[in-house]
Structures are given as structure tokens and as C-alpha cells.
């Protein structure tokens, strides 16, 4: 059964062009399921039925996994078993009868403009790492890039004259991300000054954002950068790359952008993925209305 997982992972990489993050999740979480089967004394696919699957879901719940995590595992196993059916290893997909738990919709966490300005002002722009970090945060806020897209950027992806970034998102799909003048200025300063000082001797790299060792910056390092400056700026919340992405989308909609444009800029395949941000803007509109309109609420 493990060899089937290895072949499935190869299929995801070669045919689906799945991201490293997706591959990591699939490999770890499906392997967890296969380990559960072994503990149940099941060593072939013939023994996998809906009753076994229900026991696995019950075990996940008992272990304290939240609904979103369980739903993700069901989706991954459904894809895995669909592949096994395609390869004639399974006759039918046993996951098809298993329903995913309903996940309550949560509004995205985002920063207000005052918090964004405090965050962007926190780095020391007189030193190379500070110039890099300011550029990173300006790009995240200006473009709404995923952190994986950000760290994959090369110098050749930039067109600062037109304020554009060429990005390859999920599934290898290409799109143009846009940059405002502050982001272009921060990138220009970093490239002309800071980046050259981060490059080590005898090392040639096209990577845009470099670590202090002169190598391509990792996603974990970007998360650490945001965490560092959120604390320096005195923000009373955790700031992650995805919070910056939520902030980008929310501020666009608050400023009057239409949903289709935001979908295109975020690189969402489906409009339904973008619609969560309309709830944020509606919630903000209601808050402003209640505070501003004289008859929005009854006098106490």
C-alpha cells in the first residue's frame, strides 16, 4: 500500500504540478491513514470499507483534530482513492460515501490601514536586511501574493517600470501581479543597495529575496520577518503572510474594486474562493453604518 502512495505522489508532481506544500500534506496525512490501517490489521485495499473509514474519522476526532483538518484528510483520501480506481487497483472509491464535516465559515483576519502603515515603517531601511524586509512587506501588501509565490520570485519576473510581477501560482498558472509606487520604490532601493550586499562572493543567483547567507529566502523566514516587525510595531495580533494577503483583498474591496478583479489579482481559480472577502467588507460597512447613521440603532 505504501508503494501506491509513492506512485500517487509522483503523479501529483508530474501530472498535477502540485505545490511542495500540497505534496508534503498529502504524503504525511495519507501515510497517517495507512498507518492506522496497519494498526487495524488491514494490509490490502480489499479490507478498506466505509466502516473502517468511519473508525478512522472517529479516531481523528478522539485525537483532537479540528473539523477543517478532518475535512482536508477526507479530501486527500478521496483524491488518492480516485487515483487508485484510475489505475485499476480499486474497483470503486470507498471514500465516495463519506461526507466531510461542515466547517463554519470564519471571516479572514486582516489589518487596518493604521496597522499596515506601522508595520511598513518598522524596518531599519539603512541596512540591507531592513531594506529587504521593507520590500517584502510592501510587495505582500501591494500584490496579495502567496508566500510561496513571493519566495519564488526572480529578478527576471520584475517589471518595475510598469509596476508588474510575473507570477506562477497554484498548478503552475501564470498571472500578472500589480505593484504600486511605494512597493516599486522599496524594491528599487533593495535591489540597488541591499541585495548586492547580501550576495556572497563567487555566488550567482537570480533569486529576488536573499537570506543573510546569500541564498533564496525561505517561506519560514518570511513568516519570521512579519512576526518580528509586528512586535516592533506594537501590533496586538499575529501577522502572517496570509494575513497580508487577506488585508490586500479586503482593502481593495473596501476601496471599490469589483470581485472579479480581486479574483484575478489573487489568482483564485473560482470566484467562490474570493467571495469570503465580500463578507468582510459587508461587516465593515455595517459597523460604519451603525456608528455613523443617526437612526441605525435605538437610543438606550
Protein backbone atom coordinates (compact mmCIF):
# COMPACT_ATOMS: atom_id res chain seq x y z
CA UNK A 1 0.00 0.00 0.00
CA UNK A 2 2.94 2.32 0.64
CA UNK A 3 4.17 1.85 -2.93
CA UNK A 4 0.78 3.07 -4.17
CA UNK A 5 1.23 6.25 -2.17
CA UNK A 6 4.69 6.79 -3.69
CA UNK A 7 3.25 6.44 -7.19
CA UNK A 8 0.40 8.80 -6.31
CA UNK A 9 2.87 11.43 -5.10
CA UNK A 10 4.80 11.07 -8.37
CA UNK A 11 1.52 11.55 -10.24
CA UNK A 12 0.75 14.74 -8.28
CA UNK A 13 4.18 16.16 -9.08
CA UNK A 14 4.41 15.12 -12.74
CA UNK A 15 0.81 15.48 -13.94
CA UNK A 16 -0.87 17.84 -11.50
CA UNK A 17 2.13 20.11 -10.91
CA UNK A 18 1.15 20.27 -7.23
CA UNK A 19 2.98 22.67 -4.93
CA UNK A 20 5.61 21.43 -2.43
CA UNK A 21 3.21 22.36 0.40
CA UNK A 22 0.44 20.21 -1.13
CA UNK A 23 2.83 17.31 -1.68
CA UNK A 24 4.03 17.50 1.92
CA UNK A 25 0.45 17.41 3.27
CA UNK A 26 -0.67 14.55 1.04
CA UNK A 27 2.37 12.42 1.83
CA UNK A 28 2.19 12.96 5.60
CA UNK A 29 -1.56 12.69 6.07
CA UNK A 30 -2.23 9.77 3.74
CA UNK A 31 0.69 7.93 5.32
CA UNK A 32 -1.01 8.55 8.67
CA UNK A 33 -4.14 6.85 7.28
CA UNK A 34 -2.09 3.89 6.02
CA UNK A 35 -0.51 3.59 9.48
CA UNK A 36 -3.99 3.46 11.00
CA UNK A 37 -4.92 0.64 8.62
CA UNK A 38 -1.88 -1.37 9.69
CA UNK A 39 -2.82 -0.95 13.34
CA UNK A 40 -6.26 -2.31 12.42
CA UNK A 41 -4.64 -5.36 10.84
CA UNK A 42 -5.56 -4.29 7.30
CA UNK A 43 -2.81 -4.86 4.75
CA UNK A 44 -4.74 -4.70 1.46
CA UNK A 45 -7.31 -2.41 -0.15
CA UNK A 46 -9.91 -5.18 -0.02
CA UNK A 47 -10.26 -4.53 3.70
CA UNK A 48 -10.97 -0.82 3.34
CA UNK A 49 -14.69 -0.13 3.54
CA UNK A 50 -16.90 2.63 4.93
CA UNK A 51 -16.87 1.07 8.40
CA UNK A 52 -13.07 1.23 8.56
CA UNK A 53 -13.20 4.79 7.29
CA UNK A 54 -15.73 5.78 9.95
CA UNK A 55 -13.46 4.29 12.62
CA UNK A 56 -10.60 6.35 11.25
CA UNK A 57 -12.66 9.54 11.38
CA UNK A 58 -13.74 8.72 14.93
CA UNK A 59 -10.08 8.20 15.85
CA UNK A 60 -9.16 11.60 14.38
CA UNK A 61 -11.88 13.26 16.44
CA UNK A 62 -10.73 11.47 19.59
CA UNK A 63 -7.19 12.68 18.90
CA UNK A 64 -8.45 16.27 18.90
CA UNK A 65 -8.25 17.11 15.21
CA UNK A 66 -10.48 20.06 14.25
CA UNK A 67 -13.17 19.79 11.57
CA UNK A 68 -11.10 21.63 8.96
CA UNK A 69 -8.20 19.21 9.40
CA UNK A 70 -10.50 16.18 9.17
CA UNK A 71 -12.20 17.60 6.06
CA UNK A 72 -8.81 18.09 4.43
CA UNK A 73 -7.85 14.48 5.12
CA UNK A 74 -11.11 13.21 3.64
CA UNK A 75 -10.48 15.28 0.51
CA UNK A 76 -6.93 13.95 0.22
CA UNK A 77 -8.01 10.34 0.67
CA UNK A 78 -10.83 10.82 -1.86
CA UNK A 79 -8.28 12.04 -4.42
CA UNK A 80 -5.92 9.18 -3.56
CA UNK A 81 -8.63 6.54 -3.96
CA UNK A 82 -9.83 8.15 -7.20
CA UNK A 83 -6.28 7.68 -8.49
CA UNK A 84 -6.30 4.03 -7.34
CA UNK A 85 -9.54 3.44 -9.26
CA UNK A 86 -7.99 5.00 -12.35
CA UNK A 87 -5.01 2.66 -12.01
CA UNK A 88 -7.34 -0.38 -11.58
CA UNK A 89 -6.07 -1.01 -8.06
CA UNK A 90 -9.54 -0.34 -6.63
CA UNK A 91 -12.86 -1.21 -8.25
CA UNK A 92 -14.72 1.65 -6.59
CA UNK A 93 -13.82 4.64 -4.45
CA UNK A 94 -14.71 3.79 -0.82
CA UNK A 95 -14.48 7.48 0.18
CA UNK A 96 -17.39 8.47 -2.07
CA UNK A 97 -19.91 7.56 0.65
CA UNK A 98 -18.11 9.56 3.37
CA UNK A 99 -19.28 13.13 3.92
CA UNK A 100 -16.92 15.85 5.07
CA UNK A 101 -17.80 17.61 8.34
CA UNK A 102 -19.39 21.03 7.90
CA UNK A 103 -16.87 23.76 8.60
CA UNK A 104 -18.19 27.07 9.94
CA UNK A 105 -17.11 29.99 7.78
CA UNK A 106 -14.64 32.25 9.50
CA UNK A 107 -14.01 35.79 8.37
CA UNK A 108 -10.41 36.37 7.32
CA UNK A 109 -8.16 38.18 9.75
CA UNK A 110 -6.81 41.42 8.27
CA UNK A 111 -5.05 44.63 9.28
CA UNK A 112 -6.50 48.11 9.15
CA UNK A 113 -4.60 50.86 7.32
CA UNK A 114 -3.06 52.27 10.52
CA UNK A 115 -1.64 48.83 11.39
CA UNK A 116 -0.28 48.37 7.86
CA UNK A 117 1.49 51.73 7.98
CA UNK A 118 3.01 50.93 11.38
CA UNK A 119 4.20 47.54 10.10
CA UNK A 120 5.79 49.00 6.96
CA UNK A 121 7.57 51.71 8.94
CA UNK A 122 9.18 49.22 11.38
CA UNK A 123 12.26 48.01 9.40
CA UNK A 124 15.54 49.94 9.53
CA UNK A 125 15.88 50.99 5.88
CA UNK A 126 19.55 51.96 6.31
CA UNK A 127 20.75 48.33 6.47
CA UNK A 128 20.47 45.59 3.78
CA UNK A 129 18.15 43.28 5.72
CA UNK A 130 15.89 46.16 6.66
CA UNK A 131 15.67 47.22 3.00
CA UNK A 132 14.85 43.65 2.05
CA UNK A 133 12.22 43.28 4.75
CA UNK A 134 10.53 46.58 3.85
CA UNK A 135 10.42 45.45 0.20
CA UNK A 136 8.96 42.07 1.19
CA UNK A 137 6.14 43.62 3.20
CA UNK A 138 5.42 46.28 0.57
CA UNK A 139 5.15 43.57 -2.11
CA UNK A 140 2.89 41.36 0.01
CA UNK A 141 0.53 44.24 0.76
CA UNK A 142 0.60 45.68 -2.76
CA UNK A 143 0.14 42.44 -4.67
CA UNK A 144 -1.56 39.90 -2.40
CA UNK A 145 0.97 37.20 -3.34
CA UNK A 146 1.03 33.85 -1.59
CA UNK A 147 4.24 33.43 0.39
CA UNK A 148 5.30 30.55 -1.89
CA UNK A 149 4.90 32.88 -4.88
CA UNK A 150 6.89 35.61 -3.15
CA UNK A 151 9.94 33.49 -2.34
CA UNK A 152 9.92 32.01 -5.87
CA UNK A 153 10.34 35.44 -7.47
CA UNK A 154 13.42 36.04 -9.60
CA UNK A 155 14.82 39.35 -10.80
CA UNK A 156 13.58 38.46 -14.27
CA UNK A 157 9.98 38.38 -13.01
CA UNK A 158 10.01 42.13 -12.25
CA UNK A 159 8.93 44.99 -14.48
CA UNK A 160 9.28 47.95 -12.14
CA UNK A 161 8.74 50.44 -14.95
CA UNK A 162 5.18 49.21 -15.36
CA UNK A 163 4.71 48.06 -11.75
CA UNK A 164 4.20 44.39 -12.64
CA UNK A 165 5.32 40.99 -11.36
CA UNK A 166 5.07 37.80 -13.40
CA UNK A 167 3.98 35.07 -11.00
CA UNK A 168 3.43 31.33 -11.24
CA UNK A 169 0.73 30.34 -8.78
CA UNK A 170 -1.03 27.12 -7.85
CA UNK A 171 -0.94 24.48 -10.56
CA UNK A 172 1.76 26.42 -12.41
CA UNK A 173 -0.75 29.01 -13.60
CA UNK A 174 0.83 32.26 -14.71
CA UNK A 175 -0.57 35.69 -13.89
CA UNK A 176 0.47 39.32 -13.57
CA UNK A 177 0.53 40.86 -10.11
CA UNK A 178 0.50 44.62 -9.76
CA UNK A 179 2.63 46.92 -7.64
CA UNK A 180 2.01 50.48 -6.50
CA UNK A 181 4.66 53.18 -6.40
CA UNK A 182 5.67 52.62 -2.72
CA UNK A 183 6.35 48.93 -3.44
CA UNK A 184 8.32 49.80 -6.59
CA UNK A 185 10.40 52.33 -4.64
CA UNK A 186 11.12 49.82 -1.87
CA UNK A 187 12.11 47.15 -4.41
CA UNK A 188 14.34 49.56 -6.33
CA UNK A 189 16.20 50.58 -3.16
CA UNK A 190 16.60 46.96 -2.06
CA UNK A 191 17.84 45.77 -5.47
CA UNK A 192 20.27 48.66 -5.98
CA UNK A 193 21.65 48.67 -2.46
CA UNK A 194 20.65 45.91 -0.04
CA UNK A 195 20.53 42.88 -2.32
CA UNK A 196 24.06 43.39 -3.66
CA UNK A 197 25.37 43.35 -0.07
CA UNK A 198 23.56 40.09 0.71
CA UNK A 199 25.11 38.24 -2.26
CA UNK A 200 28.17 36.23 -1.24
CA UNK A 201 31.39 36.13 -3.25
CA UNK A 202 31.51 33.74 -6.21
CA UNK A 203 27.78 33.05 -5.94
CA UNK A 204 25.44 33.87 -8.80
CA UNK A 205 21.70 33.83 -8.16
CA UNK A 206 18.64 35.24 -9.89
CA UNK A 207 16.54 34.96 -6.72
CA UNK A 208 14.96 38.27 -5.75
CA UNK A 209 14.83 37.95 -1.96
CA UNK A 210 18.02 36.64 -0.34
CA UNK A 211 18.87 35.43 3.13
CA UNK A 212 21.87 36.71 5.09
CA UNK A 213 23.74 33.69 3.65
CA UNK A 214 23.04 34.83 0.10
CA UNK A 215 20.59 32.01 -0.65
CA UNK A 216 16.95 32.25 -1.68
CA UNK A 217 14.80 33.26 1.27
CA UNK A 218 12.50 30.53 2.65
CA UNK A 219 8.80 30.78 3.46
CA UNK A 220 9.59 30.27 7.14
CA UNK A 221 11.99 33.23 7.06
CA UNK A 222 9.27 35.46 5.58
CA UNK A 223 6.92 34.41 8.39
CA UNK A 224 9.64 35.25 10.92
CA UNK A 225 10.13 38.67 9.28
CA UNK A 226 6.45 39.53 9.66
CA UNK A 227 6.33 38.26 13.22
CA UNK A 228 9.39 40.34 14.13
CA UNK A 229 8.05 43.61 12.75
CA UNK A 230 4.54 43.09 14.06
CA UNK A 231 6.05 43.04 17.55
CA UNK A 232 8.28 46.03 16.84
CA UNK A 233 5.27 47.96 15.53
CA UNK A 234 3.34 47.15 18.69
CA UNK A 235 0.56 45.29 16.89
CA UNK A 236 -1.66 43.31 19.24
CA UNK A 237 -2.15 40.40 16.84
CA UNK A 238 -0.11 37.86 14.92
CA UNK A 239 0.72 38.88 11.36
CA UNK A 240 1.33 36.11 8.81
CA UNK A 241 1.84 36.17 5.03
CA UNK A 242 -1.78 35.07 4.64
CA UNK A 243 -2.99 37.93 6.85
CA UNK A 244 -1.21 40.28 4.42
CA UNK A 245 -3.00 38.57 1.53
CA UNK A 246 -6.36 38.95 3.31
CA UNK A 247 -5.53 42.60 4.00
CA UNK A 248 -4.74 43.24 0.32
CA UNK A 249 -8.08 41.76 -0.81
CA UNK A 250 -10.16 43.44 1.89
CA UNK A 251 -8.68 46.88 1.30
CA UNK A 252 -9.26 46.55 -2.45
CA UNK A 253 -12.94 45.75 -1.95
CA UNK A 254 -13.33 48.50 0.65
CA UNK A 255 -11.85 50.86 -1.92
CA UNK A 256 -14.46 49.93 -4.52
CA UNK A 257 -12.77 47.15 -6.52
CA UNK A 258 -15.09 44.59 -8.10
CA UNK A 259 -14.96 40.95 -7.06
CA UNK A 260 -13.80 39.66 -10.46
CA UNK A 261 -10.77 41.95 -10.42
CA UNK A 262 -9.82 40.84 -6.92
CA UNK A 263 -10.23 37.20 -8.00
CA UNK A 264 -7.85 37.78 -10.91
CA UNK A 265 -5.27 39.55 -8.77
CA UNK A 266 -5.36 36.85 -6.08
CA UNK A 267 -5.05 34.07 -8.65
CA UNK A 268 -8.19 32.29 -7.43
CA UNK A 269 -9.49 29.66 -9.84
CA UNK A 270 -13.03 30.04 -8.53
CA UNK A 271 -14.97 33.16 -7.63
CA UNK A 272 -16.36 31.33 -4.58
CA UNK A 273 -12.86 31.44 -3.05
CA UNK A 274 -12.88 35.23 -3.32
CA UNK A 275 -16.42 35.79 -2.07
CA UNK A 276 -15.37 35.36 1.58
CA UNK A 277 -13.90 38.87 1.35
CA UNK A 278 -17.26 40.39 0.49
CA UNK A 279 -18.44 39.29 3.94
CA UNK A 280 -15.55 41.20 5.47
CA UNK A 281 -16.46 44.36 3.58
CA UNK A 282 -20.15 43.93 4.42
CA UNK A 283 -19.26 43.54 8.09
CA UNK A 284 -17.18 46.71 7.92
CA UNK A 285 -19.98 48.55 6.09
CA UNK A 286 -22.44 47.56 8.81
CA UNK A 287 -20.05 48.72 11.52
CA UNK A 288 -19.56 52.11 9.82
CA UNK A 289 -23.31 52.43 9.23
CA UNK A 290 -24.17 51.70 12.86
CA UNK A 291 -21.65 54.27 14.08
CA UNK A 292 -22.47 56.96 11.54
CA UNK A 293 -26.21 56.82 10.88
CA UNK A 294 -28.33 58.64 13.47
CA UNK A 295 -31.14 56.09 13.27
CA UNK A 296 -29.02 52.94 12.81
CA UNK A 297 -29.78 51.78 16.34
CA UNK A 298 -32.27 52.57 19.05
CA UNK A 299 -31.24 55.02 21.73
CA UNK A 300 -30.67 53.41 25.07
